[in-house]
Amino acid sequence: MPRITVSLPQALQTFLEEQVRAGGYGNSEEYICDLITKERDRRELNALLSQGARSARGSEANDAYFDRLRSRFPG
């Protein structure tokens, strides 16, 4: 896996170390990978929400709608 080196001011280094300890991460690399993954997921969710907001209005999600869904998947 490629590696990168990042220089942090002391205040951010201290914060990073605190977050690693508090979050139960094994090391700073695990914490930073988790941050990046969460940011990627957040951006993907925002893109999906924006796409949904721009899309045509769907059918109303009322009792009849859910009854139709249940009828498609008997169980």
PDB file of N, CA and C in Angstrom:
ATOM      1  N   MET A   1       0.848  -1.169   0.000  1.00  0.00           N
ATOM      2  CA  MET A   1       0.000   0.000   0.000  1.00  0.00           C
ATOM      3  C   MET A   1       0.896   1.235   0.000  1.00  0.00           C
ATOM      4  N   PRO A   2       0.584   2.207  -0.843  1.00  0.00           N
ATOM      5  CA  PRO A   2       1.399   3.431  -0.857  1.00  0.00           C
ATOM      6  C   PRO A   2       1.309   4.147   0.485  1.00  0.00           C
ATOM      7  N   ARG A   3       2.356   4.848   0.836  1.00  0.00           N
ATOM      8  CA  ARG A   3       2.395   5.591   2.095  1.00  0.00           C
ATOM      9  C   ARG A   3       2.583   7.074   1.782  1.00  0.00           C
ATOM     10  N   ILE A   4       2.031   7.891   2.638  1.00  0.00           N
ATOM     11  CA  ILE A   4       2.235   9.324   2.524  1.00  0.00           C
ATOM     12  C   ILE A   4       2.740   9.843   3.869  1.00  0.00           C
ATOM     13  N   THR A   5       3.414  10.943   3.820  1.00  0.00           N
ATOM     14  CA  THR A   5       3.906  11.590   5.029  1.00  0.00           C
ATOM     15  C   THR A   5       3.234  12.941   5.138  1.00  0.00           C
ATOM     16  N   VAL A   6       2.722  13.226   6.325  1.00  0.00           N
ATOM     17  CA  VAL A   6       2.041  14.495   6.552  1.00  0.00           C
ATOM     18  C   VAL A   6       2.664  15.153   7.778  1.00  0.00           C
ATOM     19  N   SER A   7       3.023  16.406   7.639  1.00  0.00           N
ATOM     20  CA  SER A   7       3.527  17.177   8.773  1.00  0.00           C
ATOM     21  C   SER A   7       2.364  17.910   9.417  1.00  0.00           C
ATOM     22  N   LEU A   8       2.266  17.795  10.735  1.00  0.00           N
ATOM     23  CA  LEU A   8       1.182  18.444  11.467  1.00  0.00           C
ATOM     24  C   LEU A   8       1.751  19.414  12.490  1.00  0.00           C
ATOM     25  N   PRO A   9       1.057  20.529  12.687  1.00  0.00           N
ATOM     26  CA  PRO A   9       1.440  21.394  13.802  1.00  0.00           C
ATOM     27  C   PRO A   9       1.235  20.625  15.115  1.00  0.00           C
ATOM     28  N   GLN A  10       1.927  21.024  16.149  1.00  0.00           N
ATOM     29  CA  GLN A  10       1.872  20.303  17.418  1.00  0.00           C
ATOM     30  C   GLN A  10       0.442  20.155  17.937  1.00  0.00           C
ATOM     31  N   ALA A  11      -0.365  21.191  17.809  1.00  0.00           N
ATOM     32  CA  ALA A  11      -1.746  21.128  18.310  1.00  0.00           C
ATOM     33  C   ALA A  11      -2.537  20.027  17.608  1.00  0.00           C
ATOM     34  N   LEU A  12      -2.359  19.891  16.294  1.00  0.00           N
ATOM     35  CA  LEU A  12      -3.062  18.835  15.563  1.00  0.00           C
ATOM     36  C   LEU A  12      -2.486  17.461  15.882  1.00  0.00           C
ATOM     37  N   GLN A  13      -1.195  17.368  16.091  1.00  0.00           N
ATOM     38  CA  GLN A  13      -0.573  16.100  16.472  1.00  0.00           C
ATOM     39  C   GLN A  13      -1.132  15.631  17.822  1.00  0.00           C
ATOM     40  N   THR A  14      -1.253  16.558  18.760  1.00  0.00           N
ATOM     41  CA  THR A  14      -1.820  16.228  20.071  1.00  0.00           C
ATOM     42  C   THR A  14      -3.264  15.776  19.927  1.00  0.00           C
ATOM     43  N   PHE A  15      -4.034  16.511  19.132  1.00  0.00           N
ATOM     44  CA  PHE A  15      -5.431  16.134  18.886  1.00  0.00           C
ATOM     45  C   PHE A  15      -5.510  14.745  18.280  1.00  0.00           C
ATOM     46  N   LEU A  16      -4.679  14.471  17.297  1.00  0.00           N
ATOM     47  CA  LEU A  16      -4.659  13.163  16.639  1.00  0.00           C
ATOM     48  C   LEU A  16      -4.380  12.062  17.652  1.00  0.00           C
ATOM     49  N   GLU A  17      -3.388  12.250  18.481  1.00  0.00           N
ATOM     50  CA  GLU A  17      -3.040  11.245  19.488  1.00  0.00           C
ATOM     51  C   GLU A  17      -4.186  11.024  20.471  1.00  0.00           C
ATOM     52  N   GLU A  18      -4.867  12.097  20.857  1.00  0.00           N
ATOM     53  CA  GLU A  18      -6.021  11.979  21.757  1.00  0.00           C
ATOM     54  C   GLU A  18      -7.149  11.185  21.101  1.00  0.00           C
ATOM     55  N   GLN A  19      -7.395  11.455  19.822  1.00  0.00           N
ATOM     56  CA  GLN A  19      -8.460  10.755  19.110  1.00  0.00           C
ATOM     57  C   GLN A  19      -8.144   9.275  18.935  1.00  0.00           C
ATOM     58  N   VAL A  20      -6.901   8.959  18.694  1.00  0.00           N
ATOM     59  CA  VAL A  20      -6.491   7.556  18.549  1.00  0.00           C
ATOM     60  C   VAL A  20      -6.772   6.828  19.857  1.00  0.00           C
ATOM     61  N   ARG A  21      -6.362   7.419  20.967  1.00  0.00           N
ATOM     62  CA  ARG A  21      -6.584   6.782  22.275  1.00  0.00           C
ATOM     63  C   ARG A  21      -8.073   6.684  22.595  1.00  0.00           C
ATOM     64  N   ALA A  22      -8.796   7.763  22.421  1.00  0.00           N
ATOM     65  CA  ALA A  22     -10.216   7.800  22.779  1.00  0.00           C
ATOM     66  C   ALA A  22     -11.066   6.911  21.884  1.00  0.00           C
ATOM     67  N   GLY A  23     -10.675   6.783  20.618  1.00  0.00           N
ATOM     68  CA  GLY A  23     -11.480   6.020  19.672  1.00  0.00           C
ATOM     69  C   GLY A  23     -11.122   4.557  19.588  1.00  0.00           C
ATOM     70  N   GLY A  24     -10.131   4.139  20.338  1.00  0.00           N
ATOM     71  CA  GLY A  24      -9.751   2.734  20.338  1.00  0.00           C
ATOM     72  C   GLY A  24      -9.018   2.303  19.080  1.00  0.00           C
ATOM     73  N   TYR A  25      -8.408   3.238  18.398  1.00  0.00           N
ATOM     74  CA  TYR A  25      -7.643   2.914  17.196  1.00  0.00           C
ATOM     75  C   TYR A  25      -6.270   2.388  17.610  1.00  0.00           C
ATOM     76  N   GLY A  26      -5.712   1.513  16.799  1.00  0.00           N
ATOM     77  CA  GLY A  26      -4.396   0.969  17.084  1.00  0.00           C
ATOM     78  C   GLY A  26      -3.288   1.981  16.863  1.00  0.00           C
ATOM     79  N   ASN A  27      -3.500   2.885  15.917  1.00  0.00           N
ATOM     80  CA  ASN A  27      -2.481   3.884  15.608  1.00  0.00           C
ATOM     81  C   ASN A  27      -3.122   5.016  14.798  1.00  0.00           C
ATOM     82  N   SER A  28      -2.336   6.038  14.524  1.00  0.00           N
ATOM     83  CA  SER A  28      -2.868   7.200  13.816  1.00  0.00           C
ATOM     84  C   SER A  28      -3.281   6.853  12.385  1.00  0.00           C
ATOM     85  N   GLU A  29      -2.613   5.889  11.779  1.00  0.00           N
ATOM     86  CA  GLU A  29      -2.968   5.485  10.422  1.00  0.00           C
ATOM     87  C   GLU A  29      -4.403   4.954  10.367  1.00  0.00           C
ATOM     88  N   GLU A  30      -4.788   4.140  11.341  1.00  0.00           N
ATOM     89  CA  GLU A  30      -6.158   3.615  11.379  1.00  0.00           C
ATOM     90  C   GLU A  30      -7.172   4.745  11.529  1.00  0.00           C
ATOM     91  N   TYR A  31      -6.855   5.713  12.383  1.00  0.00           N
ATOM     92  CA  TYR A  31      -7.754   6.839  12.603  1.00  0.00           C
ATOM     93  C   TYR A  31      -7.910   7.661  11.324  1.00  0.00           C
ATOM     94  N   ILE A  32      -6.822   7.973  10.676  1.00  0.00           N
ATOM     95  CA  ILE A  32      -6.866   8.784   9.459  1.00  0.00           C
ATOM     96  C   ILE A  32      -7.590   8.031   8.338  1.00  0.00           C
ATOM     97  N   CYS A  33      -7.344   6.736   8.202  1.00  0.00           N
ATOM     98  CA  CYS A  33      -8.068   5.943   7.196  1.00  0.00           C
ATOM     99  C   CYS A  33      -9.567   5.984   7.471  1.00  0.00           C
ATOM    100  N   ASP A  34      -9.946   5.890   8.742  1.00  0.00           N
ATOM    101  CA  ASP A  34     -11.359   5.951   9.107  1.00  0.00           C
ATOM    102  C   ASP A  34     -11.951   7.315   8.759  1.00  0.00           C
ATOM    103  N   LEU A  35     -11.214   8.383   9.030  1.00  0.00           N
ATOM    104  CA  LEU A  35     -11.687   9.728   8.677  1.00  0.00           C
ATOM    105  C   LEU A  35     -11.910   9.861   7.172  1.00  0.00           C
ATOM    106  N   ILE A  36     -10.954   9.374   6.399  1.00  0.00           N
ATOM    107  CA  ILE A  36     -11.061   9.479   4.938  1.00  0.00           C
ATOM    108  C   ILE A  36     -12.234   8.653   4.428  1.00  0.00           C
ATOM    109  N   THR A  37     -12.404   7.450   4.974  1.00  0.00           N
ATOM    110  CA  THR A  37     -13.517   6.590   4.569  1.00  0.00           C
ATOM    111  C   THR A  37     -14.852   7.251   4.894  1.00  0.00           C
ATOM    112  N   LYS A  38     -14.963   7.833   6.075  1.00  0.00           N
ATOM    113  CA  LYS A  38     -16.209   8.506   6.462  1.00  0.00           C
ATOM    114  C   LYS A  38     -16.485   9.707   5.563  1.00  0.00           C
ATOM    115  N   GLU A  39     -15.447  10.447   5.201  1.00  0.00           N
ATOM    116  CA  GLU A  39     -15.632  11.593   4.306  1.00  0.00           C
ATOM    117  C   GLU A  39     -16.085  11.136   2.925  1.00  0.00           C
ATOM    118  N   ARG A  40     -15.481  10.056   2.432  1.00  0.00           N
ATOM    119  CA  ARG A  40     -15.898   9.520   1.129  1.00  0.00           C
ATOM    120  C   ARG A  40     -17.361   9.088   1.188  1.00  0.00           C
ATOM    121  N   ASP A  41     -17.739   8.376   2.245  1.00  0.00           N
ATOM    122  CA  ASP A  41     -19.120   7.920   2.394  1.00  0.00           C
ATOM    123  C   ASP A  41     -20.085   9.101   2.499  1.00  0.00           C
ATOM    124  N   ARG A  42     -19.674  10.142   3.227  1.00  0.00           N
ATOM    125  CA  ARG A  42     -20.522  11.329   3.373  1.00  0.00           C
ATOM    126  C   ARG A  42     -20.749  12.001   2.025  1.00  0.00           C
ATOM    127  N   ARG A  43     -19.690  12.104   1.234  1.00  0.00           N
ATOM    128  CA  ARG A  43     -19.824  12.723  -0.092  1.00  0.00           C
ATOM    129  C   ARG A  43     -20.709  11.885  -1.011  1.00  0.00           C
ATOM    130  N   GLU A  44     -20.562  10.560  -0.949  1.00  0.00           N
ATOM    131  CA  GLU A  44     -21.410   9.681  -1.760  1.00  0.00           C
ATOM    132  C   GLU A  44     -22.870   9.821  -1.347  1.00  0.00           C
ATOM    133  N   LEU A  45     -23.123   9.874  -0.042  1.00  0.00           N
ATOM    134  CA  LEU A  45     -24.500  10.047   0.429  1.00  0.00           C
ATOM    135  C   LEU A  45     -25.061  11.394  -0.020  1.00  0.00           C
ATOM    136  N   ASN A  46     -24.270  12.452   0.105  1.00  0.00           N
ATOM    137  CA  ASN A  46     -24.734  13.766  -0.355  1.00  0.00           C
ATOM    138  C   ASN A  46     -25.044  13.769  -1.842  1.00  0.00           C
ATOM    139  N   ALA A  47     -24.216  13.082  -2.628  1.00  0.00           N
ATOM    140  CA  ALA A  47     -24.472  13.001  -4.072  1.00  0.00           C
ATOM    141  C   ALA A  47     -25.782  12.267  -4.342  1.00  0.00           C
ATOM    142  N   LEU A  48     -26.024  11.182  -3.612  1.00  0.00           N
ATOM    143  CA  LEU A  48     -27.276  10.431  -3.793  1.00  0.00           C
ATOM    144  C   LEU A  48     -28.478  11.269  -3.356  1.00  0.00           C
ATOM    145  N   LEU A  49     -28.335  11.999  -2.258  1.00  0.00           N
ATOM    146  CA  LEU A  49     -29.428  12.859  -1.802  1.00  0.00           C
ATOM    147  C   LEU A  49     -29.709  13.968  -2.807  1.00  0.00           C
ATOM    148  N   SER A  50     -28.658  14.556  -3.369  1.00  0.00           N
ATOM    149  CA  SER A  50     -28.835  15.599  -4.389  1.00  0.00           C
ATOM    150  C   SER A  50     -29.506  15.024  -5.626  1.00  0.00           C
ATOM    151  N   GLN A  51     -29.077  13.833  -6.017  1.00  0.00           N
ATOM    152  CA  GLN A  51     -29.686  13.172  -7.174  1.00  0.00           C
ATOM    153  C   GLN A  51     -31.163  12.911  -6.911  1.00  0.00           C
ATOM    154  N   GLY A  52     -31.486  12.456  -5.722  1.00  0.00           N
ATOM    155  CA  GLY A  52     -32.881  12.215  -5.367  1.00  0.00           C
ATOM    156  C   GLY A  52     -33.695  13.493  -5.353  1.00  0.00           C
ATOM    157  N   ALA A  53     -33.105  14.575  -4.860  1.00  0.00           N
ATOM    158  CA  ALA A  53     -33.816  15.854  -4.813  1.00  0.00           C
ATOM    159  C   ALA A  53     -34.107  16.381  -6.217  1.00  0.00           C
ATOM    160  N   ARG A  54     -33.241  16.073  -7.175  1.00  0.00           N
ATOM    161  CA  ARG A  54     -33.442  16.527  -8.554  1.00  0.00           C
ATOM    162  C   ARG A  54     -34.364  15.604  -9.346  1.00  0.00           C
ATOM    163  N   SER A  55     -34.612  14.415  -8.838  1.00  0.00           N
ATOM    164  CA  SER A  55     -35.398  13.438  -9.604  1.00  0.00           C
ATOM    165  C   SER A  55     -36.890  13.760  -9.523  1.00  0.00           C
ATOM    166  N   ALA A  56     -37.625  13.099 -10.394  1.00  0.00           N
ATOM    167  CA  ALA A  56     -39.075  13.288 -10.424  1.00  0.00           C
ATOM    168  C   ALA A  56     -39.684  12.771  -9.125  1.00  0.00           C
ATOM    169  N   ARG A  57     -40.788  13.355  -8.767  1.00  0.00           N
ATOM    170  CA  ARG A  57     -41.486  12.948  -7.549  1.00  0.00           C
ATOM    171  C   ARG A  57     -42.002  11.515  -7.711  1.00  0.00           C
ATOM    172  N   GLY A  58     -41.794  10.710  -6.693  1.00  0.00           N
ATOM    173  CA  GLY A  58     -42.252   9.326  -6.697  1.00  0.00           C
ATOM    174  C   GLY A  58     -43.660   9.207  -6.142  1.00  0.00           C
ATOM    175  N   SER A  59     -44.096   7.984  -5.991  1.00  0.00           N
ATOM    176  CA  SER A  59     -45.430   7.775  -5.434  1.00  0.00           C
ATOM    177  C   SER A  59     -45.401   8.009  -3.928  1.00  0.00           C
ATOM    178  N   GLU A  60     -46.562   8.299  -3.382  1.00  0.00           N
ATOM    179  CA  GLU A  60     -46.671   8.569  -1.956  1.00  0.00           C
ATOM    180  C   GLU A  60     -46.446   7.289  -1.164  1.00  0.00           C
ATOM    181  N   ALA A  61     -45.668   7.375  -0.118  1.00  0.00           N
ATOM    182  CA  ALA A  61     -45.381   6.205   0.718  1.00  0.00           C
ATOM    183  C   ALA A  61     -46.411   6.136   1.846  1.00  0.00           C
ATOM    184  N   ASN A  62     -47.593   5.652   1.496  1.00  0.00           N
ATOM    185  CA  ASN A  62     -48.658   5.510   2.475  1.00  0.00           C
ATOM    186  C   ASN A  62     -48.912   4.020   2.732  1.00  0.00           C
ATOM    187  N   ASP A  63     -49.959   3.684   3.466  1.00  0.00           N
ATOM    188  CA  ASP A  63     -50.250   2.283   3.795  1.00  0.00           C
ATOM    189  C   ASP A  63     -50.446   1.440   2.532  1.00  0.00           C
ATOM    190  N   ALA A  64     -51.112   1.990   1.540  1.00  0.00           N
ATOM    191  CA  ALA A  64     -51.352   1.245   0.297  1.00  0.00           C
ATOM    192  C   ALA A  64     -50.028   0.934  -0.411  1.00  0.00           C
ATOM    193  N   TYR A  65     -49.121   1.867  -0.390  1.00  0.00           N
ATOM    194  CA  TYR A  65     -47.801   1.658  -1.004  1.00  0.00           C
ATOM    195  C   TYR A  65     -47.085   0.487  -0.336  1.00  0.00           C
ATOM    196  N   PHE A  66     -47.065   0.482   0.982  1.00  0.00           N
ATOM    197  CA  PHE A  66     -46.377  -0.590   1.690  1.00  0.00           C
ATOM    198  C   PHE A  66     -47.107  -1.921   1.547  1.00  0.00           C
ATOM    199  N   ASP A  67     -48.431  -1.891   1.449  1.00  0.00           N
ATOM    200  CA  ASP A  67     -49.191  -3.121   1.193  1.00  0.00           C
ATOM    201  C   ASP A  67     -48.795  -3.711  -0.161  1.00  0.00           C
ATOM    202  N   ARG A  68     -48.639  -2.861  -1.182  1.00  0.00           N
ATOM    203  CA  ARG A  68     -48.220  -3.351  -2.502  1.00  0.00           C
ATOM    204  C   ARG A  68     -46.825  -3.961  -2.426  1.00  0.00           C
ATOM    205  N   LEU A  69     -45.916  -3.329  -1.698  1.00  0.00           N
ATOM    206  CA  LEU A  69     -44.572  -3.897  -1.542  1.00  0.00           C
ATOM    207  C   LEU A  69     -44.622  -5.259  -0.862  1.00  0.00           C
ATOM    208  N   ARG A  70     -45.397  -5.353   0.216  1.00  0.00           N
ATOM    209  CA  ARG A  70     -45.492  -6.631   0.926  1.00  0.00           C
ATOM    210  C   ARG A  70     -46.097  -7.725   0.054  1.00  0.00           C
ATOM    211  N   SER A  71     -47.019  -7.342  -0.801  1.00  0.00           N
ATOM    212  CA  SER A  71     -47.652  -8.360  -1.660  1.00  0.00           C
ATOM    213  C   SER A  71     -46.677  -8.916  -2.688  1.00  0.00           C
ATOM    214  N   ARG A  72     -45.645  -8.135  -3.017  1.00  0.00           N
ATOM    215  CA  ARG A  72     -44.635  -8.611  -3.974  1.00  0.00           C
ATOM    216  C   ARG A  72     -43.663  -9.599  -3.340  1.00  0.00           C
ATOM    217  N   PHE A  73     -43.587  -9.579  -2.014  1.00  0.00           N
ATOM    218  CA  PHE A  73     -42.645 -10.445  -1.301  1.00  0.00           C
ATOM    219  C   PHE A  73     -43.368 -11.185  -0.180  1.00  0.00           C
ATOM    220  N   PRO A  74     -44.180 -12.153  -0.559  1.00  0.00           N
ATOM    221  CA  PRO A  74     -44.927 -12.886   0.471  1.00  0.00           C
ATOM    222  C   PRO A  74     -43.951 -13.652   1.377  1.00  0.00           C
ATOM    223  N   GLY A  75     -44.328 -13.787   2.585  1.00  0.00           N
ATOM    224  CA  GLY A  75     -43.396 -14.503   3.423  1.00  0.00           C
ATOM    225  C   GLY A  75     -43.916 -14.746   4.752  1.00  0.00           C
TER     226      GLY A  75
END
